PDB file of N, CA and C in Angstrom:
ATOM      1  N   MET A   1     -13.455  17.845  -5.483  1.00  0.00           N
ATOM      2  CA  MET A   1     -12.952  16.745  -6.282  1.00  0.00           C
ATOM      3  C   MET A   1     -13.697  15.475  -5.880  1.00  0.00           C
ATOM      4  N   ALA A   2     -14.222  14.797  -6.848  1.00  0.00           N
ATOM      5  CA  ALA A   2     -14.935  13.544  -6.592  1.00  0.00           C
ATOM      6  C   ALA A   2     -13.936  12.396  -6.482  1.00  0.00           C
ATOM      7  N   VAL A   3     -14.432  11.277  -6.033  1.00  0.00           N
ATOM      8  CA  VAL A   3     -13.608  10.074  -5.974  1.00  0.00           C
ATOM      9  C   VAL A   3     -13.333   9.624  -7.406  1.00  0.00           C
ATOM     10  N   LYS A   4     -12.092   9.298  -7.693  1.00  0.00           N
ATOM     11  CA  LYS A   4     -11.674   8.880  -9.024  1.00  0.00           C
ATOM     12  C   LYS A   4     -11.707   7.360  -9.113  1.00  0.00           C
ATOM     13  N   GLU A   5     -12.390   6.837 -10.115  1.00  0.00           N
ATOM     14  CA  GLU A   5     -12.377   5.392 -10.356  1.00  0.00           C
ATOM     15  C   GLU A   5     -11.063   5.045 -11.049  1.00  0.00           C
ATOM     16  N   VAL A   6     -10.333   4.087 -10.485  1.00  0.00           N
ATOM     17  CA  VAL A   6      -9.082   3.661 -11.113  1.00  0.00           C
ATOM     18  C   VAL A   6      -9.147   2.174 -11.423  1.00  0.00           C
ATOM     19  N   ASP A   7      -8.362   1.781 -12.410  1.00  0.00           N
ATOM     20  CA  ASP A   7      -8.251   0.380 -12.800  1.00  0.00           C
ATOM     21  C   ASP A   7      -6.843   0.173 -13.350  1.00  0.00           C
ATOM     22  N   LYS A   8      -6.610  -0.978 -13.951  1.00  0.00           N
ATOM     23  CA  LYS A   8      -5.257  -1.279 -14.425  1.00  0.00           C
ATOM     24  C   LYS A   8      -4.790  -0.329 -15.526  1.00  0.00           C
ATOM     25  N   THR A   9      -5.719   0.312 -16.227  1.00  0.00           N
ATOM     26  CA  THR A   9      -5.323   1.198 -17.324  1.00  0.00           C
ATOM     27  C   THR A   9      -4.846   2.566 -16.852  1.00  0.00           C
ATOM     28  N   ASN A  10      -5.299   3.022 -15.695  1.00  0.00           N
ATOM     29  CA  ASN A  10      -4.920   4.368 -15.247  1.00  0.00           C
ATOM     30  C   ASN A  10      -4.305   4.407 -13.847  1.00  0.00           C
ATOM     31  N   PHE A  11      -4.090   3.251 -13.240  1.00  0.00           N
ATOM     32  CA  PHE A  11      -3.579   3.203 -11.865  1.00  0.00           C
ATOM     33  C   PHE A  11      -2.216   3.881 -11.741  1.00  0.00           C
ATOM     34  N   GLU A  12      -1.316   3.569 -12.647  1.00  0.00           N
ATOM     35  CA  GLU A  12       0.022   4.157 -12.553  1.00  0.00           C
ATOM     36  C   GLU A  12      -0.040   5.679 -12.651  1.00  0.00           C
ATOM     37  N   GLN A  13      -0.778   6.183 -13.630  1.00  0.00           N
ATOM     38  CA  GLN A  13      -0.867   7.637 -13.816  1.00  0.00           C
ATOM     39  C   GLN A  13      -1.586   8.314 -12.647  1.00  0.00           C
ATOM     40  N   GLU A  14      -2.725   7.784 -12.242  1.00  0.00           N
ATOM     41  CA  GLU A  14      -3.543   8.440 -11.223  1.00  0.00           C
ATOM     42  C   GLU A  14      -3.020   8.261  -9.802  1.00  0.00           C
ATOM     43  N   VAL A  15      -2.379   7.133  -9.533  1.00  0.00           N
ATOM     44  CA  VAL A  15      -1.950   6.830  -8.165  1.00  0.00           C
ATOM     45  C   VAL A  15      -0.436   6.944  -8.022  1.00  0.00           C
ATOM     46  N   LEU A  16       0.296   6.149  -8.770  1.00  0.00           N
ATOM     47  CA  LEU A  16       1.743   6.082  -8.573  1.00  0.00           C
ATOM     48  C   LEU A  16       2.468   7.348  -9.008  1.00  0.00           C
ATOM     49  N   GLN A  17       1.935   8.059 -10.001  1.00  0.00           N
ATOM     50  CA  GLN A  17       2.583   9.279 -10.484  1.00  0.00           C
ATOM     51  C   GLN A  17       1.926  10.549  -9.943  1.00  0.00           C
ATOM     52  N   SER A  18       1.039  10.428  -8.995  1.00  0.00           N
ATOM     53  CA  SER A  18       0.339  11.591  -8.446  1.00  0.00           C
ATOM     54  C   SER A  18       1.302  12.523  -7.719  1.00  0.00           C
ATOM     55  N   ASP A  19       1.077  13.821  -7.890  1.00  0.00           N
ATOM     56  CA  ASP A  19       1.883  14.836  -7.205  1.00  0.00           C
ATOM     57  C   ASP A  19       1.495  14.989  -5.741  1.00  0.00           C
ATOM     58  N   ILE A  20       0.317  14.500  -5.384  1.00  0.00           N
ATOM     59  CA  ILE A  20      -0.147  14.588  -3.997  1.00  0.00           C
ATOM     60  C   ILE A  20      -0.426  13.169  -3.490  1.00  0.00           C
ATOM     61  N   PRO A  21      -0.473  12.981  -2.174  1.00  0.00           N
ATOM     62  CA  PRO A  21      -0.784  11.647  -1.644  1.00  0.00           C
ATOM     63  C   PRO A  21      -2.142  11.139  -2.149  1.00  0.00           C
ATOM     64  N   VAL A  22      -2.279   9.824  -2.193  1.00  0.00           N
ATOM     65  CA  VAL A  22      -3.498   9.187  -2.696  1.00  0.00           C
ATOM     66  C   VAL A  22      -3.972   8.137  -1.693  1.00  0.00           C
ATOM     67  N   MET A  23      -5.282   8.140  -1.445  1.00  0.00           N
ATOM     68  CA  MET A  23      -5.913   7.078  -0.662  1.00  0.00           C
ATOM     69  C   MET A  23      -6.747   6.259  -1.642  1.00  0.00           C
ATOM     70  N   VAL A  24      -6.425   4.974  -1.786  1.00  0.00           N
ATOM     71  CA  VAL A  24      -7.167   4.103  -2.697  1.00  0.00           C
ATOM     72  C   VAL A  24      -8.042   3.166  -1.870  1.00  0.00           C
ATOM     73  N   ASP A  25      -9.327   3.193  -2.175  1.00  0.00           N
ATOM     74  CA  ASP A  25     -10.320   2.324  -1.539  1.00  0.00           C
ATOM     75  C   ASP A  25     -10.470   1.076  -2.405  1.00  0.00           C
ATOM     76  N   PHE A  26      -9.922  -0.046  -1.949  1.00  0.00           N
ATOM     77  CA  PHE A  26     -10.078  -1.329  -2.641  1.00  0.00           C
ATOM     78  C   PHE A  26     -11.402  -1.920  -2.160  1.00  0.00           C
ATOM     79  N   TRP A  27     -12.336  -2.137  -3.080  1.00  0.00           N
ATOM     80  CA  TRP A  27     -13.705  -2.502  -2.732  1.00  0.00           C
ATOM     81  C   TRP A  27     -14.287  -3.458  -3.776  1.00  0.00           C
ATOM     82  N   ALA A  28     -15.505  -3.921  -3.529  1.00  0.00           N
ATOM     83  CA  ALA A  28     -16.273  -4.721  -4.494  1.00  0.00           C
ATOM     84  C   ALA A  28     -17.752  -4.394  -4.301  1.00  0.00           C
ATOM     85  N   PRO A  29     -18.541  -4.491  -5.376  1.00  0.00           N
ATOM     86  CA  PRO A  29     -19.963  -4.131  -5.294  1.00  0.00           C
ATOM     87  C   PRO A  29     -20.760  -4.974  -4.299  1.00  0.00           C
ATOM     88  N   TRP A  30     -20.373  -6.221  -4.082  1.00  0.00           N
ATOM     89  CA  TRP A  30     -21.111  -7.120  -3.191  1.00  0.00           C
ATOM     90  C   TRP A  30     -20.722  -6.947  -1.725  1.00  0.00           C
ATOM     91  N   CYS A  31     -19.724  -6.136  -1.445  1.00  0.00           N
ATOM     92  CA  CYS A  31     -19.161  -5.983  -0.098  1.00  0.00           C
ATOM     93  C   CYS A  31     -19.974  -4.974   0.720  1.00  0.00           C
ATOM     94  N   VAL A  32     -20.722  -5.471   1.705  1.00  0.00           N
ATOM     95  CA  VAL A  32     -21.560  -4.596   2.538  1.00  0.00           C
ATOM     96  C   VAL A  32     -20.718  -3.589   3.325  1.00  0.00           C
ATOM     97  N   PRO A  33     -19.636  -3.997   4.002  1.00  0.00           N
ATOM     98  CA  PRO A  33     -18.827  -3.000   4.711  1.00  0.00           C
ATOM     99  C   PRO A  33     -18.265  -1.914   3.778  1.00  0.00           C
ATOM    100  N   CYS A  34     -17.978  -2.288   2.527  1.00  0.00           N
ATOM    101  CA  CYS A  34     -17.499  -1.299   1.553  1.00  0.00           C
ATOM    102  C   CYS A  34     -18.562  -0.232   1.315  1.00  0.00           C
ATOM    103  N   ARG A  35     -19.812  -0.670   1.215  1.00  0.00           N
ATOM    104  CA  ARG A  35     -20.917   0.274   1.004  1.00  0.00           C
ATOM    105  C   ARG A  35     -21.145   1.139   2.237  1.00  0.00           C
ATOM    106  N   VAL A  36     -20.840   0.591   3.420  1.00  0.00           N
ATOM    107  CA  VAL A  36     -21.006   1.347   4.662  1.00  0.00           C
ATOM    108  C   VAL A  36     -20.055   2.545   4.698  1.00  0.00           C
ATOM    109  N   ILE A  37     -18.794   2.358   4.280  1.00  0.00           N
ATOM    110  CA  ILE A  37     -17.850   3.476   4.355  1.00  0.00           C
ATOM    111  C   ILE A  37     -17.821   4.343   3.097  1.00  0.00           C
ATOM    112  N   ALA A  38     -18.515   3.931   2.032  1.00  0.00           N
ATOM    113  CA  ALA A  38     -18.489   4.692   0.781  1.00  0.00           C
ATOM    114  C   ALA A  38     -18.880   6.160   0.953  1.00  0.00           C
ATOM    115  N   PRO A  39     -19.957   6.485   1.680  1.00  0.00           N
ATOM    116  CA  PRO A  39     -20.300   7.906   1.843  1.00  0.00           C
ATOM    117  C   PRO A  39     -19.209   8.694   2.576  1.00  0.00           C
ATOM    118  N   LEU A  40     -18.553   8.072   3.535  1.00  0.00           N
ATOM    119  CA  LEU A  40     -17.457   8.726   4.246  1.00  0.00           C
ATOM    120  C   LEU A  40     -16.288   8.977   3.301  1.00  0.00           C
ATOM    121  N   VAL A  41     -15.961   8.000   2.480  1.00  0.00           N
ATOM    122  CA  VAL A  41     -14.875   8.146   1.513  1.00  0.00           C
ATOM    123  C   VAL A  41     -15.182   9.303   0.563  1.00  0.00           C
ATOM    124  N   GLU A  42     -16.427   9.383   0.086  1.00  0.00           N
ATOM    125  CA  GLU A  42     -16.843  10.482  -0.800  1.00  0.00           C
ATOM    126  C   GLU A  42     -16.682  11.830  -0.103  1.00  0.00           C
ATOM    127  N   ARG A  43     -17.137  11.909   1.129  1.00  0.00           N
ATOM    128  CA  ARG A  43     -17.074  13.167   1.877  1.00  0.00           C
ATOM    129  C   ARG A  43     -15.619  13.589   2.117  1.00  0.00           C
ATOM    130  N   LEU A  44     -14.772  12.643   2.450  1.00  0.00           N
ATOM    131  CA  LEU A  44     -13.368  12.959   2.688  1.00  0.00           C
ATOM    132  C   LEU A  44     -12.659  13.391   1.405  1.00  0.00           C
ATOM    133  N   ALA A  45     -13.074  12.843   0.273  1.00  0.00           N
ATOM    134  CA  ALA A  45     -12.502  13.260  -1.012  1.00  0.00           C
ATOM    135  C   ALA A  45     -12.738  14.748  -1.230  1.00  0.00           C
ATOM    136  N   GLU A  46     -13.927  15.211  -0.894  1.00  0.00           N
ATOM    137  CA  GLU A  46     -14.234  16.637  -1.043  1.00  0.00           C
ATOM    138  C   GLU A  46     -13.528  17.462   0.024  1.00  0.00           C
ATOM    139  N   GLN A  47     -13.529  16.975   1.245  1.00  0.00           N
ATOM    140  CA  GLN A  47     -12.924  17.706   2.362  1.00  0.00           C
ATOM    141  C   GLN A  47     -11.423  17.929   2.154  1.00  0.00           C
ATOM    142  N   TYR A  48     -10.743  16.947   1.576  1.00  0.00           N
ATOM    143  CA  TYR A  48      -9.290  17.030   1.408  1.00  0.00           C
ATOM    144  C   TYR A  48      -8.868  17.317  -0.035  1.00  0.00           C
ATOM    145  N   ALA A  49      -9.788  17.769  -0.862  1.00  0.00           N
ATOM    146  CA  ALA A  49      -9.482  18.066  -2.268  1.00  0.00           C
ATOM    147  C   ALA A  49      -8.286  19.013  -2.353  1.00  0.00           C
ATOM    148  N   GLY A  50      -7.359  18.677  -3.244  1.00  0.00           N
ATOM    149  CA  GLY A  50      -6.172  19.493  -3.427  1.00  0.00           C
ATOM    150  C   GLY A  50      -5.003  19.065  -2.547  1.00  0.00           C
ATOM    151  N   ARG A  51      -5.302  18.345  -1.462  1.00  0.00           N
ATOM    152  CA  ARG A  51      -4.244  17.863  -0.563  1.00  0.00           C
ATOM    153  C   ARG A  51      -4.132  16.346  -0.586  1.00  0.00           C
ATOM    154  N   LEU A  52      -5.217  15.678  -0.991  1.00  0.00           N
ATOM    155  CA  LEU A  52      -5.264  14.220  -1.046  1.00  0.00           C
ATOM    156  C   LEU A  52      -6.169  13.814  -2.197  1.00  0.00           C
ATOM    157  N   LYS A  53      -5.667  12.919  -3.036  1.00  0.00           N
ATOM    158  CA  LYS A  53      -6.507  12.344  -4.088  1.00  0.00           C
ATOM    159  C   LYS A  53      -7.137  11.087  -3.512  1.00  0.00           C
ATOM    160  N   VAL A  54      -8.418  10.894  -3.776  1.00  0.00           N
ATOM    161  CA  VAL A  54      -9.118   9.700  -3.305  1.00  0.00           C
ATOM    162  C   VAL A  54      -9.583   8.914  -4.526  1.00  0.00           C
ATOM    163  N   ALA A  55      -9.248   7.631  -4.536  1.00  0.00           N
ATOM    164  CA  ALA A  55      -9.588   6.769  -5.668  1.00  0.00           C
ATOM    165  C   ALA A  55     -10.238   5.490  -5.160  1.00  0.00           C
ATOM    166  N   LYS A  56     -11.031   4.865  -6.040  1.00  0.00           N
ATOM    167  CA  LYS A  56     -11.667   3.582  -5.733  1.00  0.00           C
ATOM    168  C   LYS A  56     -11.228   2.579  -6.788  1.00  0.00           C
ATOM    169  N   LEU A  57     -10.935   1.358  -6.335  1.00  0.00           N
ATOM    170  CA  LEU A  57     -10.530   0.303  -7.245  1.00  0.00           C
ATOM    171  C   LEU A  57     -11.361  -0.940  -6.958  1.00  0.00           C
ATOM    172  N   ASN A  58     -12.119  -1.379  -7.954  1.00  0.00           N
ATOM    173  CA  ASN A  58     -12.963  -2.568  -7.836  1.00  0.00           C
ATOM    174  C   ASN A  58     -12.071  -3.807  -7.951  1.00  0.00           C
ATOM    175  N   VAL A  59     -11.940  -4.554  -6.849  1.00  0.00           N
ATOM    176  CA  VAL A  59     -11.037  -5.712  -6.846  1.00  0.00           C
ATOM    177  C   VAL A  59     -11.536  -6.845  -7.742  1.00  0.00           C
ATOM    178  N   ASP A  60     -12.844  -6.937  -7.954  1.00  0.00           N
ATOM    179  CA  ASP A  60     -13.377  -7.984  -8.827  1.00  0.00           C
ATOM    180  C   ASP A  60     -12.926  -7.785 -10.267  1.00  0.00           C
ATOM    181  N   GLU A  61     -12.736  -6.541 -10.669  1.00  0.00           N
ATOM    182  CA  GLU A  61     -12.345  -6.227 -12.044  1.00  0.00           C
ATOM    183  C   GLU A  61     -10.841  -6.013 -12.186  1.00  0.00           C
ATOM    184  N   ASN A  62     -10.133  -5.992 -11.073  1.00  0.00           N
ATOM    185  CA  ASN A  62      -8.697  -5.692 -11.090  1.00  0.00           C
ATOM    186  C   ASN A  62      -7.944  -6.607 -10.128  1.00  0.00           C
ATOM    187  N   HIS A  63      -8.088  -7.917 -10.352  1.00  0.00           N
ATOM    188  CA  HIS A  63      -7.464  -8.910  -9.467  1.00  0.00           C
ATOM    189  C   HIS A  63      -5.963  -8.695  -9.321  1.00  0.00           C
ATOM    190  N   GLU A  64      -5.301  -8.393 -10.459  1.00  0.00           N
ATOM    191  CA  GLU A  64      -3.843  -8.294 -10.424  1.00  0.00           C
ATOM    192  C   GLU A  64      -3.366  -7.161  -9.518  1.00  0.00           C
ATOM    193  N   LEU A  65      -4.099  -6.060  -9.481  1.00  0.00           N
ATOM    194  CA  LEU A  65      -3.703  -4.965  -8.585  1.00  0.00           C
ATOM    195  C   LEU A  65      -3.979  -5.319  -7.126  1.00  0.00           C
ATOM    196  N   ALA A  66      -5.071  -6.018  -6.882  1.00  0.00           N
ATOM    197  CA  ALA A  66      -5.364  -6.461  -5.511  1.00  0.00           C
ATOM    198  C   ALA A  66      -4.266  -7.407  -5.019  1.00  0.00           C
ATOM    199  N   ILE A  67      -3.819  -8.303  -5.882  1.00  0.00           N
ATOM    200  CA  ILE A  67      -2.745  -9.232  -5.517  1.00  0.00           C
ATOM    201  C   ILE A  67      -1.428  -8.476  -5.323  1.00  0.00           C
ATOM    202  N   ARG A  68      -1.135  -7.574  -6.248  1.00  0.00           N
ATOM    203  CA  ARG A  68       0.112  -6.797  -6.180  1.00  0.00           C
ATOM    204  C   ARG A  68       0.241  -6.051  -4.855  1.00  0.00           C
ATOM    205  N   TYR A  69      -0.882  -5.529  -4.359  1.00  0.00           N
ATOM    206  CA  TYR A  69      -0.852  -4.753  -3.113  1.00  0.00           C
ATOM    207  C   TYR A  69      -1.340  -5.564  -1.914  1.00  0.00           C
ATOM    208  N   GLN A  70      -1.375  -6.884  -2.085  1.00  0.00           N
ATOM    209  CA  GLN A  70      -1.673  -7.831  -1.001  1.00  0.00           C
ATOM    210  C   GLN A  70      -2.979  -7.509  -0.277  1.00  0.00           C
ATOM    211  N   VAL A  71      -4.009  -7.215  -1.067  1.00  0.00           N
ATOM    212  CA  VAL A  71      -5.331  -6.957  -0.497  1.00  0.00           C
ATOM    213  C   VAL A  71      -6.009  -8.305  -0.292  1.00  0.00           C
ATOM    214  N   MET A  72      -6.148  -8.703   0.966  1.00  0.00           N
ATOM    215  CA  MET A  72      -6.737  -9.993   1.315  1.00  0.00           C
ATOM    216  C   MET A  72      -8.157  -9.850   1.841  1.00  0.00           C
ATOM    217  N   SER A  73      -8.521  -8.653   2.240  1.00  0.00           N
ATOM    218  CA  SER A  73      -9.831  -8.388   2.822  1.00  0.00           C
ATOM    219  C   SER A  73     -10.276  -7.003   2.362  1.00  0.00           C
ATOM    220  N   ILE A  74     -11.572  -6.841   2.159  1.00  0.00           N
ATOM    221  CA  ILE A  74     -12.075  -5.529   1.763  1.00  0.00           C
ATOM    222  C   ILE A  74     -13.174  -5.090   2.719  1.00  0.00           C
ATOM    223  N   PRO A  75     -13.337  -3.806   2.890  1.00  0.00           N
ATOM    224  CA  PRO A  75     -12.567  -2.739   2.253  1.00  0.00           C
ATOM    225  C   PRO A  75     -11.156  -2.646   2.829  1.00  0.00           C
ATOM    226  N   THR A  76     -10.236  -2.256   1.964  1.00  0.00           N
ATOM    227  CA  THR A  76      -8.885  -1.905   2.385  1.00  0.00           C
ATOM    228  C   THR A  76      -8.579  -0.540   1.798  1.00  0.00           C
ATOM    229  N   LEU A  77      -8.158   0.374   2.649  1.00  0.00           N
ATOM    230  CA  LEU A  77      -7.721   1.694   2.207  1.00  0.00           C
ATOM    231  C   LEU A  77      -6.203   1.690   2.230  1.00  0.00           C
ATOM    232  N   ILE A  78      -5.592   1.949   1.067  1.00  0.00           N
ATOM    233  CA  ILE A  78      -4.135   1.998   0.992  1.00  0.00           C
ATOM    234  C   ILE A  78      -3.722   3.426   0.662  1.00  0.00           C
ATOM    235  N   PHE A  79      -2.760   3.909   1.419  1.00  0.00           N
ATOM    236  CA  PHE A  79      -2.271   5.274   1.263  1.00  0.00           C
ATOM    237  C   PHE A  79      -0.943   5.252   0.521  1.00  0.00           C
ATOM    238  N   PHE A  80      -0.871   6.026  -0.570  1.00  0.00           N
ATOM    239  CA  PHE A  80       0.321   6.117  -1.404  1.00  0.00           C
ATOM    240  C   PHE A  80       0.877   7.533  -1.334  1.00  0.00           C
ATOM    241  N   LYS A  81       2.194   7.630  -1.337  1.00  0.00           N
ATOM    242  CA  LYS A  81       2.861   8.926  -1.432  1.00  0.00           C
ATOM    243  C   LYS A  81       4.126   8.719  -2.242  1.00  0.00           C
ATOM    244  N   ASN A  82       4.305   9.558  -3.259  1.00  0.00           N
ATOM    245  CA  ASN A  82       5.466   9.445  -4.155  1.00  0.00           C
ATOM    246  C   ASN A  82       5.581   8.040  -4.744  1.00  0.00           C
ATOM    247  N   GLY A  83       4.436   7.448  -5.081  1.00  0.00           N
ATOM    248  CA  GLY A  83       4.418   6.144  -5.728  1.00  0.00           C
ATOM    249  C   GLY A  83       4.627   4.955  -4.813  1.00  0.00           C
ATOM    250  N   GLN A  84       4.752   5.197  -3.518  1.00  0.00           N
ATOM    251  CA  GLN A  84       5.011   4.123  -2.567  1.00  0.00           C
ATOM    252  C   GLN A  84       3.855   3.959  -1.589  1.00  0.00           C
ATOM    253  N   VAL A  85       3.599   2.713  -1.192  1.00  0.00           N
ATOM    254  CA  VAL A  85       2.614   2.457  -0.139  1.00  0.00           C
ATOM    255  C   VAL A  85       3.230   2.922   1.170  1.00  0.00           C
ATOM    256  N   ILE A  86       2.490   3.775   1.900  1.00  0.00           N
ATOM    257  CA  ILE A  86       3.027   4.214   3.187  1.00  0.00           C
ATOM    258  C   ILE A  86       2.176   3.750   4.363  1.00  0.00           C
ATOM    259  N   ASP A  87       0.945   3.346   4.099  1.00  0.00           N
ATOM    260  CA  ASP A  87       0.120   2.823   5.192  1.00  0.00           C
ATOM    261  C   ASP A  87      -1.150   2.216   4.618  1.00  0.00           C
ATOM    262  N   ARG A  88      -1.911   1.535   5.479  1.00  0.00           N
ATOM    263  CA  ARG A  88      -3.180   0.944   5.058  1.00  0.00           C
ATOM    264  C   ARG A  88      -4.101   0.786   6.253  1.00  0.00           C
ATOM    265  N   ILE A  89      -5.392   0.765   5.954  1.00  0.00           N
ATOM    266  CA  ILE A  89      -6.423   0.453   6.943  1.00  0.00           C
ATOM    267  C   ILE A  89      -7.228  -0.693   6.350  1.00  0.00           C
ATOM    268  N   ILE A  90      -7.322  -1.794   7.086  1.00  0.00           N
ATOM    269  CA  ILE A  90      -8.045  -2.970   6.602  1.00  0.00           C
ATOM    270  C   ILE A  90      -9.357  -3.079   7.359  1.00  0.00           C
ATOM    271  N   GLY A  91     -10.447  -3.236   6.600  1.00  0.00           N
ATOM    272  CA  GLY A  91     -11.760  -3.353   7.216  1.00  0.00           C
ATOM    273  C   GLY A  91     -12.318  -2.000   7.620  1.00  0.00           C
ATOM    274  N   VAL A  92     -13.425  -2.038   8.340  1.00  0.00           N
ATOM    275  CA  VAL A  92     -14.060  -0.812   8.822  1.00  0.00           C
ATOM    276  C   VAL A  92     -13.713  -0.667  10.300  1.00  0.00           C
ATOM    277  N   PRO A  93     -12.941   0.360  10.648  1.00  0.00           N
ATOM    278  CA  PRO A  93     -12.591   0.551  12.056  1.00  0.00           C
ATOM    279  C   PRO A  93     -13.824   0.839  12.909  1.00  0.00           C
ATOM    280  N   ARG A  94     -13.691   0.656  14.203  1.00  0.00           N
ATOM    281  CA  ARG A  94     -14.802   0.906  15.134  1.00  0.00           C
ATOM    282  C   ARG A  94     -15.304   2.340  15.015  1.00  0.00           C
ATOM    283  N   GLU A  95     -14.387   3.285  14.898  1.00  0.00           N
ATOM    284  CA  GLU A  95     -14.733   4.695  14.698  1.00  0.00           C
ATOM    285  C   GLU A  95     -14.147   5.112  13.353  1.00  0.00           C
ATOM    286  N   PRO A  96     -14.807   4.756  12.255  1.00  0.00           N
ATOM    287  CA  PRO A  96     -14.193   4.925  10.940  1.00  0.00           C
ATOM    288  C   PRO A  96     -13.755   6.353  10.627  1.00  0.00           C
ATOM    289  N   GLU A  97     -14.607   7.332  10.898  1.00  0.00           N
ATOM    290  CA  GLU A  97     -14.227   8.696  10.525  1.00  0.00           C
ATOM    291  C   GLU A  97     -12.993   9.156  11.299  1.00  0.00           C
ATOM    292  N   ARG A  98     -12.971   8.925  12.590  1.00  0.00           N
ATOM    293  CA  ARG A  98     -11.834   9.358  13.403  1.00  0.00           C
ATOM    294  C   ARG A  98     -10.545   8.671  12.945  1.00  0.00           C
ATOM    295  N   VAL A  99     -10.602   7.371  12.737  1.00  0.00           N
ATOM    296  CA  VAL A  99      -9.414   6.602  12.360  1.00  0.00           C
ATOM    297  C   VAL A  99      -8.910   7.009  10.977  1.00  0.00           C
ATOM    298  N   ILE A 100      -9.818   7.134  10.014  1.00  0.00           N
ATOM    299  CA  ILE A 100      -9.405   7.469   8.647  1.00  0.00           C
ATOM    300  C   ILE A 100      -8.889   8.902   8.577  1.00  0.00           C
ATOM    301  N   VAL A 101      -9.565   9.838   9.227  1.00  0.00           N
ATOM    302  CA  VAL A 101      -9.105  11.233   9.229  1.00  0.00           C
ATOM    303  C   VAL A 101      -7.730  11.334   9.882  1.00  0.00           C
ATOM    304  N   GLN A 102      -7.522  10.628  10.973  1.00  0.00           N
ATOM    305  CA  GLN A 102      -6.215  10.653  11.642  1.00  0.00           C
ATOM    306  C   GLN A 102      -5.127  10.150  10.699  1.00  0.00           C
ATOM    307  N   LYS A 103      -5.415   9.069   9.978  1.00  0.00           N
ATOM    308  CA  LYS A 103      -4.436   8.515   9.040  1.00  0.00           C
ATOM    309  C   LYS A 103      -4.179   9.488   7.890  1.00  0.00           C
ATOM    310  N   ILE A 104      -5.236  10.118   7.368  1.00  0.00           N
ATOM    311  CA  ILE A 104      -5.071  11.103   6.293  1.00  0.00           C
ATOM    312  C   ILE A 104      -4.181  12.244   6.769  1.00  0.00           C
ATOM    313  N   GLU A 105      -4.447  12.745   7.960  1.00  0.00           N
ATOM    314  CA  GLU A 105      -3.646  13.855   8.496  1.00  0.00           C
ATOM    315  C   GLU A 105      -2.179  13.450   8.630  1.00  0.00           C
ATOM    316  N   GLU A 106      -1.923  12.227   9.054  1.00  0.00           N
ATOM    317  CA  GLU A 106      -0.543  11.737   9.144  1.00  0.00           C
ATOM    318  C   GLU A 106       0.098  11.694   7.759  1.00  0.00           C
ATOM    319  N   VAL A 107      -0.649  11.200   6.779  1.00  0.00           N
ATOM    320  CA  VAL A 107      -0.120  11.032   5.426  1.00  0.00           C
ATOM    321  C   VAL A 107       0.154  12.379   4.764  1.00  0.00           C
ATOM    322  N   ILE A 108      -0.789  13.302   4.844  1.00  0.00           N
ATOM    323  CA  ILE A 108      -0.572  14.589   4.167  1.00  0.00           C
ATOM    324  C   ILE A 108       0.407  15.466   4.931  1.00  0.00           C
ATOM    325  N   GLY A 109       0.592  15.178   6.214  1.00  0.00           N
ATOM    326  CA  GLY A 109       1.537  15.949   7.009  1.00  0.00           C
ATOM    327  C   GLY A 109       2.955  15.415   6.932  1.00  0.00           C
ATOM    328  N   ALA A 110       3.100  14.157   6.514  1.00  0.00           N
ATOM    329  CA  ALA A 110       4.431  13.540   6.423  1.00  0.00           C
ATOM    330  C   ALA A 110       5.196  14.131   5.246  1.00  0.00           C
ATOM    331  N   SER A 111       6.456  14.396   5.468  1.00  0.00           N
ATOM    332  CA  SER A 111       7.251  14.971   4.371  1.00  0.00           C
ATOM    333  C   SER A 111       8.074  13.923   3.667  1.00  0.00           C
TER     334      SER A 111
END
């Protein structure tokens, strides 16, 4: 499963109504740290296909969603389950793969 592009037209259906947990990458094209973690986000989307949906949301084109979810800095990864925000990672962690994988495992393992 590839990363799904979401925006205001499909956010509710793809994220809030998803049957499985969702990790949304709030990003912008000009954001260098966003580009740094993009390949990792893509790889994790494939690695966790069927257990976690991975989506990307361009904050420049979707200001209202960035405001709604209090995204003040990018990249921000927000984890949703059953339509609710359950956690977030702001910025690029020192060990991005370890930190993000640990958070994914917590999210998909939580009942």
